[in-house]
Amino acid sequence: MGIVEIDVHGMNVEEALKAVRRQVDAAGGGTYRIRVIHGYHGGTRIASAVREEFSYGREPKVKRVTMGQNQGITELVLREF
């Protein structure tokens, strides 16, 4: 699979975190990155919540959290490619 994308536009913070959690839990060995598309025009609540929830070693599957190619994307790195 490589990179899995999940678009959480239109979700509230709780819904977005649940959706991302499902992707992290379902990620197999072929997935090395989960790209969370949250946008940035509507504020940063979802982006901040995703970064808080999955960084600092809180989720063993997630090695690090990085900004995507633009401000509306956060990437969860599960393993290095």
PDB file of N, CA and C in Angstrom:
ATOM      1  N   MET A   1       0.821  -1.195   0.000  1.00  0.00           N
ATOM      2  CA  MET A   1       0.000   0.000   0.000  1.00  0.00           C
ATOM      3  C   MET A   1       0.862   1.254   0.000  1.00  0.00           C
ATOM      4  N   GLY A   2       1.873   1.314   0.786  1.00  0.00           N
ATOM      5  CA  GLY A   2       2.721   2.495   0.851  1.00  0.00           C
ATOM      6  C   GLY A   2       2.131   3.593   1.706  1.00  0.00           C
ATOM      7  N   ILE A   3       1.483   4.535   1.030  1.00  0.00           N
ATOM      8  CA  ILE A   3       0.877   5.664   1.734  1.00  0.00           C
ATOM      9  C   ILE A   3      -0.636   5.511   1.711  1.00  0.00           C
ATOM     10  N   VAL A   4      -1.246   5.613   2.874  1.00  0.00           N
ATOM     11  CA  VAL A   4      -2.706   5.593   2.988  1.00  0.00           C
ATOM     12  C   VAL A   4      -3.148   7.019   3.274  1.00  0.00           C
ATOM     13  N   GLU A   5      -4.126   7.492   2.501  1.00  0.00           N
ATOM     14  CA  GLU A   5      -4.651   8.837   2.723  1.00  0.00           C
ATOM     15  C   GLU A   5      -6.019   8.755   3.373  1.00  0.00           C
ATOM     16  N   ILE A   6      -6.259   9.642   4.318  1.00  0.00           N
ATOM     17  CA  ILE A   6      -7.565   9.750   4.942  1.00  0.00           C
ATOM     18  C   ILE A   6      -7.943  11.223   4.988  1.00  0.00           C
ATOM     19  N   ASP A   7      -9.116  11.527   4.459  1.00  0.00           N
ATOM     20  CA  ASP A   7      -9.599  12.903   4.400  1.00  0.00           C
ATOM     21  C   ASP A   7     -10.609  13.095   5.521  1.00  0.00           C
ATOM     22  N   VAL A   8     -10.313  14.005   6.440  1.00  0.00           N
ATOM     23  CA  VAL A   8     -11.191  14.225   7.599  1.00  0.00           C
ATOM     24  C   VAL A   8     -11.909  15.570   7.528  1.00  0.00           C
ATOM     25  N   HIS A   9     -11.952  16.164   6.334  1.00  0.00           N
ATOM     26  CA  HIS A   9     -12.727  17.409   6.155  1.00  0.00           C
ATOM     27  C   HIS A   9     -14.167  17.171   6.602  1.00  0.00           C
ATOM     28  N   GLY A  10     -14.737  18.129   7.272  1.00  0.00           N
ATOM     29  CA  GLY A  10     -16.136  18.043   7.670  1.00  0.00           C
ATOM     30  C   GLY A  10     -16.381  17.266   8.951  1.00  0.00           C
ATOM     31  N   MET A  11     -15.361  16.655   9.498  1.00  0.00           N
ATOM     32  CA  MET A  11     -15.509  15.919  10.759  1.00  0.00           C
ATOM     33  C   MET A  11     -15.174  16.838  11.921  1.00  0.00           C
ATOM     34  N   ASN A  12     -15.726  16.505  13.090  1.00  0.00           N
ATOM     35  CA  ASN A  12     -15.277  17.219  14.275  1.00  0.00           C
ATOM     36  C   ASN A  12     -14.019  16.516  14.790  1.00  0.00           C
ATOM     37  N   VAL A  13     -13.421  17.063  15.822  1.00  0.00           N
ATOM     38  CA  VAL A  13     -12.144  16.524  16.317  1.00  0.00           C
ATOM     39  C   VAL A  13     -12.289  15.064  16.742  1.00  0.00           C
ATOM     40  N   GLU A  14     -13.336  14.743  17.475  1.00  0.00           N
ATOM     41  CA  GLU A  14     -13.523  13.372  17.963  1.00  0.00           C
ATOM     42  C   GLU A  14     -13.698  12.387  16.805  1.00  0.00           C
ATOM     43  N   GLU A  15     -14.510  12.755  15.824  1.00  0.00           N
ATOM     44  CA  GLU A  15     -14.713  11.882  14.660  1.00  0.00           C
ATOM     45  C   GLU A  15     -13.414  11.688  13.891  1.00  0.00           C
ATOM     46  N   ALA A  16     -12.670  12.768  13.716  1.00  0.00           N
ATOM     47  CA  ALA A  16     -11.408  12.693  12.983  1.00  0.00           C
ATOM     48  C   ALA A  16     -10.413  11.786  13.692  1.00  0.00           C
ATOM     49  N   LEU A  17     -10.286  11.929  15.008  1.00  0.00           N
ATOM     50  CA  LEU A  17      -9.351  11.083  15.757  1.00  0.00           C
ATOM     51  C   LEU A  17      -9.744   9.609  15.668  1.00  0.00           C
ATOM     52  N   LYS A  18     -11.038   9.318  15.730  1.00  0.00           N
ATOM     53  CA  LYS A  18     -11.500   7.928  15.605  1.00  0.00           C
ATOM     54  C   LYS A  18     -11.172   7.372  14.232  1.00  0.00           C
ATOM     55  N   ALA A  19     -11.378   8.170  13.190  1.00  0.00           N
ATOM     56  CA  ALA A  19     -11.097   7.728  11.826  1.00  0.00           C
ATOM     57  C   ALA A  19      -9.605   7.465  11.635  1.00  0.00           C
ATOM     58  N   VAL A  20      -8.776   8.344  12.156  1.00  0.00           N
ATOM     59  CA  VAL A  20      -7.326   8.159  12.046  1.00  0.00           C
ATOM     60  C   VAL A  20      -6.895   6.947  12.856  1.00  0.00           C
ATOM     61  N   ARG A  21      -7.452   6.777  14.029  1.00  0.00           N
ATOM     62  CA  ARG A  21      -7.133   5.614  14.875  1.00  0.00           C
ATOM     63  C   ARG A  21      -7.456   4.308  14.142  1.00  0.00           C
ATOM     64  N   ARG A  22      -8.599   4.270  13.467  1.00  0.00           N
ATOM     65  CA  ARG A  22      -8.959   3.066  12.701  1.00  0.00           C
ATOM     66  C   ARG A  22      -7.914   2.768  11.630  1.00  0.00           C
ATOM     67  N   GLN A  23      -7.428   3.803  10.961  1.00  0.00           N
ATOM     68  CA  GLN A  23      -6.407   3.608   9.925  1.00  0.00           C
ATOM     69  C   GLN A  23      -5.093   3.113  10.525  1.00  0.00           C
ATOM     70  N   VAL A  24      -4.705   3.686  11.655  1.00  0.00           N
ATOM     71  CA  VAL A  24      -3.461   3.255  12.313  1.00  0.00           C
ATOM     72  C   VAL A  24      -3.588   1.798  12.753  1.00  0.00           C
ATOM     73  N   ASP A  25      -4.713   1.452  13.359  1.00  0.00           N
ATOM     74  CA  ASP A  25      -4.916   0.079  13.828  1.00  0.00           C
ATOM     75  C   ASP A  25      -4.942  -0.925  12.680  1.00  0.00           C
ATOM     76  N   ALA A  26      -5.487  -0.514  11.529  1.00  0.00           N
ATOM     77  CA  ALA A  26      -5.620  -1.410  10.382  1.00  0.00           C
ATOM     78  C   ALA A  26      -4.363  -1.477   9.523  1.00  0.00           C
ATOM     79  N   ALA A  27      -3.415  -0.589   9.752  1.00  0.00           N
ATOM     80  CA  ALA A  27      -2.222  -0.521   8.911  1.00  0.00           C
ATOM     81  C   ALA A  27      -1.389  -1.788   9.044  1.00  0.00           C
ATOM     82  N   GLY A  28      -1.089  -2.379   7.898  1.00  0.00           N
ATOM     83  CA  GLY A  28      -0.250  -3.571   7.871  1.00  0.00           C
ATOM     84  C   GLY A  28       1.191  -3.211   7.582  1.00  0.00           C
ATOM     85  N   GLY A  29       1.990  -4.220   7.371  1.00  0.00           N
ATOM     86  CA  GLY A  29       3.415  -4.023   7.136  1.00  0.00           C
ATOM     87  C   GLY A  29       3.744  -3.282   5.854  1.00  0.00           C
ATOM     88  N   GLY A  30       2.815  -3.274   4.902  1.00  0.00           N
ATOM     89  CA  GLY A  30       3.050  -2.587   3.639  1.00  0.00           C
ATOM     90  C   GLY A  30       2.796  -1.092   3.706  1.00  0.00           C
ATOM     91  N   THR A  31       2.206  -0.646   4.785  1.00  0.00           N
ATOM     92  CA  THR A  31       1.906   0.778   4.938  1.00  0.00           C
ATOM     93  C   THR A  31       3.023   1.429   5.731  1.00  0.00           C
ATOM     94  N   TYR A  32       3.626   2.449   5.161  1.00  0.00           N
ATOM     95  CA  TYR A  32       4.692   3.125   5.891  1.00  0.00           C
ATOM     96  C   TYR A  32       4.336   4.549   6.271  1.00  0.00           C
ATOM     97  N   ARG A  33       3.216   5.059   5.747  1.00  0.00           N
ATOM     98  CA  ARG A  33       2.841   6.432   6.065  1.00  0.00           C
ATOM     99  C   ARG A  33       1.332   6.586   5.949  1.00  0.00           C
ATOM    100  N   ILE A  34       0.737   7.312   6.896  1.00  0.00           N
ATOM    101  CA  ILE A  34      -0.674   7.663   6.824  1.00  0.00           C
ATOM    102  C   ILE A  34      -0.750   9.176   6.666  1.00  0.00           C
ATOM    103  N   ARG A  35      -1.348   9.598   5.558  1.00  0.00           N
ATOM    104  CA  ARG A  35      -1.470  11.024   5.254  1.00  0.00           C
ATOM    105  C   ARG A  35      -2.863  11.479   5.659  1.00  0.00           C
ATOM    106  N   VAL A  36      -2.931  12.351   6.655  1.00  0.00           N
ATOM    107  CA  VAL A  36      -4.200  12.876   7.157  1.00  0.00           C
ATOM    108  C   VAL A  36      -4.439  14.234   6.504  1.00  0.00           C
ATOM    109  N   ILE A  37      -5.503  14.319   5.716  1.00  0.00           N
ATOM    110  CA  ILE A  37      -5.844  15.557   5.027  1.00  0.00           C
ATOM    111  C   ILE A  37      -6.940  16.242   5.837  1.00  0.00           C
ATOM    112  N   HIS A  38      -6.570  17.315   6.518  1.00  0.00           N
ATOM    113  CA  HIS A  38      -7.506  17.986   7.414  1.00  0.00           C
ATOM    114  C   HIS A  38      -7.819  19.406   6.987  1.00  0.00           C
ATOM    115  N   GLY A  39      -7.064  19.945   6.061  1.00  0.00           N
ATOM    116  CA  GLY A  39      -7.267  21.325   5.642  1.00  0.00           C
ATOM    117  C   GLY A  39      -6.720  22.287   6.685  1.00  0.00           C
ATOM    118  N   TYR A  40      -6.749  23.566   6.338  1.00  0.00           N
ATOM    119  CA  TYR A  40      -6.261  24.555   7.308  1.00  0.00           C
ATOM    120  C   TYR A  40      -7.078  25.831   7.300  1.00  0.00           C
ATOM    121  N   HIS A  41      -7.987  25.991   6.372  1.00  0.00           N
ATOM    122  CA  HIS A  41      -8.790  27.211   6.338  1.00  0.00           C
ATOM    123  C   HIS A  41      -9.808  27.258   7.473  1.00  0.00           C
ATOM    124  N   GLY A  42     -10.239  26.099   7.942  1.00  0.00           N
ATOM    125  CA  GLY A  42     -11.250  26.051   9.000  1.00  0.00           C
ATOM    126  C   GLY A  42     -10.667  26.073  10.402  1.00  0.00           C
ATOM    127  N   GLY A  43      -9.385  26.283  10.530  1.00  0.00           N
ATOM    128  CA  GLY A  43      -8.745  26.284  11.841  1.00  0.00           C
ATOM    129  C   GLY A  43      -7.798  25.111  11.976  1.00  0.00           C
ATOM    130  N   THR A  44      -7.183  25.008  13.137  1.00  0.00           N
ATOM    131  CA  THR A  44      -6.142  23.999  13.330  1.00  0.00           C
ATOM    132  C   THR A  44      -6.487  22.975  14.407  1.00  0.00           C
ATOM    133  N   ARG A  45      -7.728  22.932  14.842  1.00  0.00           N
ATOM    134  CA  ARG A  45      -8.086  22.017  15.939  1.00  0.00           C
ATOM    135  C   ARG A  45      -7.805  20.554  15.607  1.00  0.00           C
ATOM    136  N   ILE A  46      -8.210  20.111  14.417  1.00  0.00           N
ATOM    137  CA  ILE A  46      -7.998  18.707  14.055  1.00  0.00           C
ATOM    138  C   ILE A  46      -6.506  18.428  13.900  1.00  0.00           C
ATOM    139  N   ALA A  47      -5.786  19.314  13.219  1.00  0.00           N
ATOM    140  CA  ALA A  47      -4.342  19.114  13.034  1.00  0.00           C
ATOM    141  C   ALA A  47      -3.642  19.015  14.386  1.00  0.00           C
ATOM    142  N   SER A  48      -3.966  19.913  15.281  1.00  0.00           N
ATOM    143  CA  SER A  48      -3.344  19.901  16.614  1.00  0.00           C
ATOM    144  C   SER A  48      -3.687  18.630  17.372  1.00  0.00           C
ATOM    145  N   ALA A  49      -4.943  18.202  17.292  1.00  0.00           N
ATOM    146  CA  ALA A  49      -5.379  16.997  18.013  1.00  0.00           C
ATOM    147  C   ALA A  49      -4.675  15.756  17.471  1.00  0.00           C
ATOM    148  N   VAL A  50      -4.540  15.649  16.152  1.00  0.00           N
ATOM    149  CA  VAL A  50      -3.858  14.496  15.549  1.00  0.00           C
ATOM    150  C   VAL A  50      -2.398  14.476  15.979  1.00  0.00           C
ATOM    151  N   ARG A  51      -1.749  15.627  15.927  1.00  0.00           N
ATOM    152  CA  ARG A  51      -0.338  15.679  16.327  1.00  0.00           C
ATOM    153  C   ARG A  51      -0.164  15.337  17.800  1.00  0.00           C
ATOM    154  N   GLU A  52      -1.059  15.819  18.621  1.00  0.00           N
ATOM    155  CA  GLU A  52      -0.995  15.546  20.059  1.00  0.00           C
ATOM    156  C   GLU A  52      -1.241  14.060  20.351  1.00  0.00           C
ATOM    157  N   GLU A  53      -2.229  13.491  19.703  1.00  0.00           N
ATOM    158  CA  GLU A  53      -2.635  12.105  19.967  1.00  0.00           C
ATOM    159  C   GLU A  53      -1.585  11.084  19.529  1.00  0.00           C
ATOM    160  N   PHE A  54      -0.904  11.357  18.422  1.00  0.00           N
ATOM    161  CA  PHE A  54      -0.043  10.333  17.836  1.00  0.00           C
ATOM    162  C   PHE A  54       1.447  10.621  17.915  1.00  0.00           C
ATOM    163  N   SER A  55       1.844  11.680  18.586  1.00  0.00           N
ATOM    164  CA  SER A  55       3.278  11.952  18.713  1.00  0.00           C
ATOM    165  C   SER A  55       3.758  11.653  20.126  1.00  0.00           C
ATOM    166  N   TYR A  56       4.995  11.915  20.372  1.00  0.00           N
ATOM    167  CA  TYR A  56       5.613  11.744  21.698  1.00  0.00           C
ATOM    168  C   TYR A  56       5.563  10.301  22.192  1.00  0.00           C
ATOM    169  N   GLY A  57       5.578   9.334  21.264  1.00  0.00           N
ATOM    170  CA  GLY A  57       5.616   7.930  21.659  1.00  0.00           C
ATOM    171  C   GLY A  57       4.323   7.388  22.225  1.00  0.00           C
ATOM    172  N   ARG A  58       3.233   8.107  22.067  1.00  0.00           N
ATOM    173  CA  ARG A  58       1.949   7.649  22.629  1.00  0.00           C
ATOM    174  C   ARG A  58       1.361   6.480  21.863  1.00  0.00           C
ATOM    175  N   GLU A  59       1.699   6.368  20.594  1.00  0.00           N
ATOM    176  CA  GLU A  59       1.222   5.260  19.760  1.00  0.00           C
ATOM    177  C   GLU A  59       2.442   4.518  19.233  1.00  0.00           C
ATOM    178  N   PRO A  60       2.639   3.267  19.682  1.00  0.00           N
ATOM    179  CA  PRO A  60       3.843   2.525  19.302  1.00  0.00           C
ATOM    180  C   PRO A  60       4.041   2.360  17.793  1.00  0.00           C
ATOM    181  N   LYS A  61       2.955   2.284  17.019  1.00  0.00           N
ATOM    182  CA  LYS A  61       3.081   2.112  15.572  1.00  0.00           C
ATOM    183  C   LYS A  61       3.612   3.359  14.875  1.00  0.00           C
ATOM    184  N   VAL A  62       3.410   4.516  15.476  1.00  0.00           N
ATOM    185  CA  VAL A  62       3.798   5.779  14.837  1.00  0.00           C
ATOM    186  C   VAL A  62       5.196   6.176  15.311  1.00  0.00           C
ATOM    187  N   LYS A  63       6.131   6.203  14.372  1.00  0.00           N
ATOM    188  CA  LYS A  63       7.512   6.550  14.694  1.00  0.00           C
ATOM    189  C   LYS A  63       7.693   8.047  14.868  1.00  0.00           C
ATOM    190  N   ARG A  64       7.019   8.825  13.992  1.00  0.00           N
ATOM    191  CA  ARG A  64       7.090  10.284  14.103  1.00  0.00           C
ATOM    192  C   ARG A  64       5.931  10.899  13.340  1.00  0.00           C
ATOM    193  N   VAL A  65       5.670  12.141  13.640  1.00  0.00           N
ATOM    194  CA  VAL A  65       4.610  12.903  12.989  1.00  0.00           C
ATOM    195  C   VAL A  65       5.269  14.072  12.264  1.00  0.00           C
ATOM    196  N   THR A  66       4.941  14.249  10.990  1.00  0.00           N
ATOM    197  CA  THR A  66       5.527  15.334  10.211  1.00  0.00           C
ATOM    198  C   THR A  66       4.445  16.141   9.519  1.00  0.00           C
ATOM    199  N   MET A  67       4.802  17.347   9.151  1.00  0.00           N
ATOM    200  CA  MET A  67       3.915  18.166   8.337  1.00  0.00           C
ATOM    201  C   MET A  67       3.956  17.613   6.921  1.00  0.00           C
ATOM    202  N   GLY A  68       2.856  17.689   6.223  1.00  0.00           N
ATOM    203  CA  GLY A  68       2.824  17.240   4.844  1.00  0.00           C
ATOM    204  C   GLY A  68       3.396  18.293   3.917  1.00  0.00           C
ATOM    205  N   GLN A  69       3.098  18.152   2.647  1.00  0.00           N
ATOM    206  CA  GLN A  69       3.614  19.081   1.652  1.00  0.00           C
ATOM    207  C   GLN A  69       2.941  20.442   1.742  1.00  0.00           C
ATOM    208  N   ASN A  70       1.832  20.536   2.427  1.00  0.00           N
ATOM    209  CA  ASN A  70       1.206  21.831   2.687  1.00  0.00           C
ATOM    210  C   ASN A  70       0.617  21.843   4.095  1.00  0.00           C
ATOM    211  N   GLN A  71       0.135  22.976   4.525  1.00  0.00           N
ATOM    212  CA  GLN A  71      -0.351  23.130   5.899  1.00  0.00           C
ATOM    213  C   GLN A  71      -1.590  22.300   6.208  1.00  0.00           C
ATOM    214  N   GLY A  72      -2.288  21.849   5.198  1.00  0.00           N
ATOM    215  CA  GLY A  72      -3.519  21.100   5.408  1.00  0.00           C
ATOM    216  C   GLY A  72      -3.325  19.608   5.546  1.00  0.00           C
ATOM    217  N   ILE A  73      -2.064  19.175   5.653  1.00  0.00           N
ATOM    218  CA  ILE A  73      -1.761  17.746   5.732  1.00  0.00           C
ATOM    219  C   ILE A  73      -0.812  17.467   6.893  1.00  0.00           C
ATOM    220  N   THR A  74      -1.111  16.403   7.630  1.00  0.00           N
ATOM    221  CA  THR A  74      -0.205  15.880   8.652  1.00  0.00           C
ATOM    222  C   THR A  74       0.066  14.427   8.289  1.00  0.00           C
ATOM    223  N   GLU A  75       1.318  14.003   8.373  1.00  0.00           N
ATOM    224  CA  GLU A  75       1.660  12.634   8.033  1.00  0.00           C
ATOM    225  C   GLU A  75       2.160  11.878   9.251  1.00  0.00           C
ATOM    226  N   LEU A  76       1.633  10.683   9.418  1.00  0.00           N
ATOM    227  CA  LEU A  76       2.064   9.791  10.490  1.00  0.00           C
ATOM    228  C   LEU A  76       3.016   8.771   9.851  1.00  0.00           C
ATOM    229  N   VAL A  77       4.257   8.779  10.268  1.00  0.00           N
ATOM    230  CA  VAL A  77       5.256   7.881   9.702  1.00  0.00           C
ATOM    231  C   VAL A  77       5.286   6.620  10.556  1.00  0.00           C
ATOM    232  N   LEU A  78       4.919   5.493   9.933  1.00  0.00           N
ATOM    233  CA  LEU A  78       4.894   4.220  10.640  1.00  0.00           C
ATOM    234  C   LEU A  78       6.237   3.510  10.541  1.00  0.00           C
ATOM    235  N   ARG A  79       6.889   3.676   9.411  1.00  0.00           N
ATOM    236  CA  ARG A  79       8.242   3.149   9.240  1.00  0.00           C
ATOM    237  C   ARG A  79       8.894   3.927   8.123  1.00  0.00           C
ATOM    238  N   GLU A  80      10.206   3.926   8.108  1.00  0.00           N
ATOM    239  CA  GLU A  80      10.941   4.655   7.076  1.00  0.00           C
ATOM    240  C   GLU A  80      10.890   3.854   5.786  1.00  0.00           C
ATOM    241  N   PHE A  81      10.793   4.535   4.675  1.00  0.00           N
ATOM    242  CA  PHE A  81      10.725   3.881   3.377  1.00  0.00           C
ATOM    243  C   PHE A  81      12.108   3.583   2.865  1.00  0.00           C
TER     244      PHE A  81
END
